[in-house]
C-alpha atoms as a PDB file:
ATOM      1  CA  MET A   1       4.376  12.171 -21.089  1.00  0.00           C
ATOM      2  CA  ILE A   2       3.643  14.901 -18.325  1.00  0.00           C
ATOM      3  CA  VAL A   3       0.694  12.525 -16.773  1.00  0.00           C
ATOM      4  CA  GLU A   4       3.323   9.738 -16.555  1.00  0.00           C
ATOM      5  CA  ILE A   5       6.243  11.617 -15.026  1.00  0.00           C
ATOM      6  CA  LEU A   6       3.918  12.901 -11.940  1.00  0.00           C
ATOM      7  CA  ILE A   7       2.442   9.278 -11.768  1.00  0.00           C
ATOM      8  CA  PHE A   8       5.970   8.066 -11.446  1.00  0.00           C
ATOM      9  CA  LEU A   9       6.986  10.981  -8.423  1.00  0.00           C
ATOM     10  CA  ILE A  10       3.415   9.976  -6.668  1.00  0.00           C
ATOM     11  CA  ALA A  11       4.213   6.665  -6.968  1.00  0.00           C
ATOM     12  CA  GLY A  12       8.332   6.338  -6.079  1.00  0.00           C
ATOM     13  CA  VAL A  13       8.027   9.110  -3.592  1.00  0.00           C
ATOM     14  CA  GLY A  14       5.434   7.100  -1.416  1.00  0.00           C
ATOM     15  CA  ALA A  15       7.390   3.718  -2.089  1.00  0.00           C
ATOM     16  CA  LEU A  16      10.473   5.349  -0.466  1.00  0.00           C
ATOM     17  CA  PHE A  17       8.767   6.603   2.518  1.00  0.00           C
ATOM     18  CA  ILE A  18       7.321   3.332   2.742  1.00  0.00           C
ATOM     19  CA  THR A  19      10.650   1.800   2.442  1.00  0.00           C
ATOM     20  CA  GLY A  20      11.797   4.222   4.617  1.00  0.00           C
ATOM     21  CA  PHE A  21       9.279   3.589   7.680  1.00  0.00           C
ATOM     22  CA  SER A  22       9.852   0.050   7.517  1.00  0.00           C
ATOM     23  CA  VAL A  23      13.664  -0.398   7.740  1.00  0.00           C
ATOM     24  CA  HIS A  24      12.895   2.095  10.509  1.00  0.00           C
ATOM     25  CA  MET A  25      10.551  -0.613  11.823  1.00  0.00           C
ATOM     26  CA  LEU A  26      12.866  -3.478  11.655  1.00  0.00           C
ATOM     27  CA  THR A  27      15.877  -1.767  12.993  1.00  0.00           C
ATOM     28  CA  GLY A  28      14.582   0.845  15.468  1.00  0.00           C
ATOM     29  CA  GLY A  29      16.109   0.640  18.702  1.00  0.00           C
ATOM     30  CA  LEU A  30      18.270  -2.776  18.190  1.00  0.00           C
ATOM     31  CA  ILE A  31      20.805  -0.336  16.462  1.00  0.00           C
ATOM     32  CA  SER A  32      22.445   3.086  17.329  1.00  0.00           C
ATOM     33  CA  GLN A  33      20.072   5.752  15.496  1.00  0.00           C
ATOM     34  CA  GLU A  34      23.568   6.374  13.222  1.00  0.00           C
ATOM     35  CA  LEU A  35      23.386   3.557  11.586  1.00  0.00           C
ATOM     36  CA  GLU A  36      19.823   3.148  11.447  1.00  0.00           C
ATOM     37  CA  ASN A  37      19.793   6.276   9.508  1.00  0.00           C
ATOM     38  CA  GLN A  38      22.889   4.935   7.242  1.00  0.00           C
ATOM     39  CA  VAL A  39      20.968   1.618   6.615  1.00  0.00           C
ATOM     40  CA  ILE A  40      17.632   3.621   5.545  1.00  0.00           C
ATOM     41  CA  PHE A  41      19.733   5.705   3.084  1.00  0.00           C
ATOM     42  CA  ILE A  42      21.239   2.843   2.172  1.00  0.00           C
ATOM     43  CA  VAL A  43      18.203   1.223   0.979  1.00  0.00           C
ATOM     44  CA  CYS A  44      16.110   4.229  -0.093  1.00  0.00           C
ATOM     45  CA  SER A  45      18.850   4.463  -2.469  1.00  0.00           C
ATOM     46  CA  ILE A  46      18.626   1.099  -4.109  1.00  0.00           C
ATOM     47  CA  VAL A  47      15.284   1.391  -4.410  1.00  0.00           C
ATOM     48  CA  PHE A  48      15.309   4.737  -5.712  1.00  0.00           C
ATOM     49  CA  CYS A  49      17.321   3.254  -8.794  1.00  0.00           C
ATOM     50  CA  ILE A  50      15.147   0.135  -9.353  1.00  0.00           C
ATOM     51  CA  ILE A  51      12.111   2.608  -9.334  1.00  0.00           C
ATOM     52  CA  ALA A  52      14.031   4.734 -11.714  1.00  0.00           C
ATOM     53  CA  TYR A  53      15.016   1.969 -14.252  1.00  0.00           C
ATOM     54  CA  MET A  54      11.262   1.081 -14.152  1.00  0.00           C
ATOM     55  CA  ALA A  55      10.107   4.304 -14.923  1.00  0.00           C
ATOM     56  CA  TRP A  56      12.578   5.127 -17.798  1.00  0.00           C
ATOM     57  CA  ASP A  57      12.128   1.542 -19.047  1.00  0.00           C
ATOM     58  CA  VAL A  58       8.446   1.940 -19.319  1.00  0.00           C
ATOM     59  CA  ILE A  59       8.903   5.464 -20.834  1.00  0.00           C
ATOM     60  CA  GLN A  60      10.896   3.945 -23.288  1.00  0.00           C
ATOM     61  CA  ARG A  61       8.599   1.063 -24.795  1.00  0.00           C
ATOM     62  CA  ARG A  62       5.582   3.464 -24.463  1.00  0.00           C
ATOM     63  CA  THR A  63       7.613   5.785 -27.208  1.00  0.00           C
ATOM     64  CA  GLY A  64       8.768   2.786 -28.773  1.00  0.00           C
ATOM     65  CA  LYS A  65      12.343   3.374 -28.510  1.00  0.00           C
ATOM     66  CA  LYS A  66      12.866  -0.137 -27.398  1.00  0.00           C
END
C-alpha cells in the first residue's frame, strides 16, 4: 500500500508539472501573467482531482472493496 501511494505521488507530481508547463507554453505571452496563473491553477486543480479519483479507484479495486 505504501509503495502504491509513493508511485501515485511521483506520477501525480510529474503530471501536474507537465500540465502546468503545457498551459504556460500554450498561453504564455498571449494573456496577462495574472490570468495565466489563474488558468494554470484551474487546470492543475482539475487534473489533481482526476488523478486523485484514479488513485482512489485503483486502491479500492486492489483491496477488493468494489
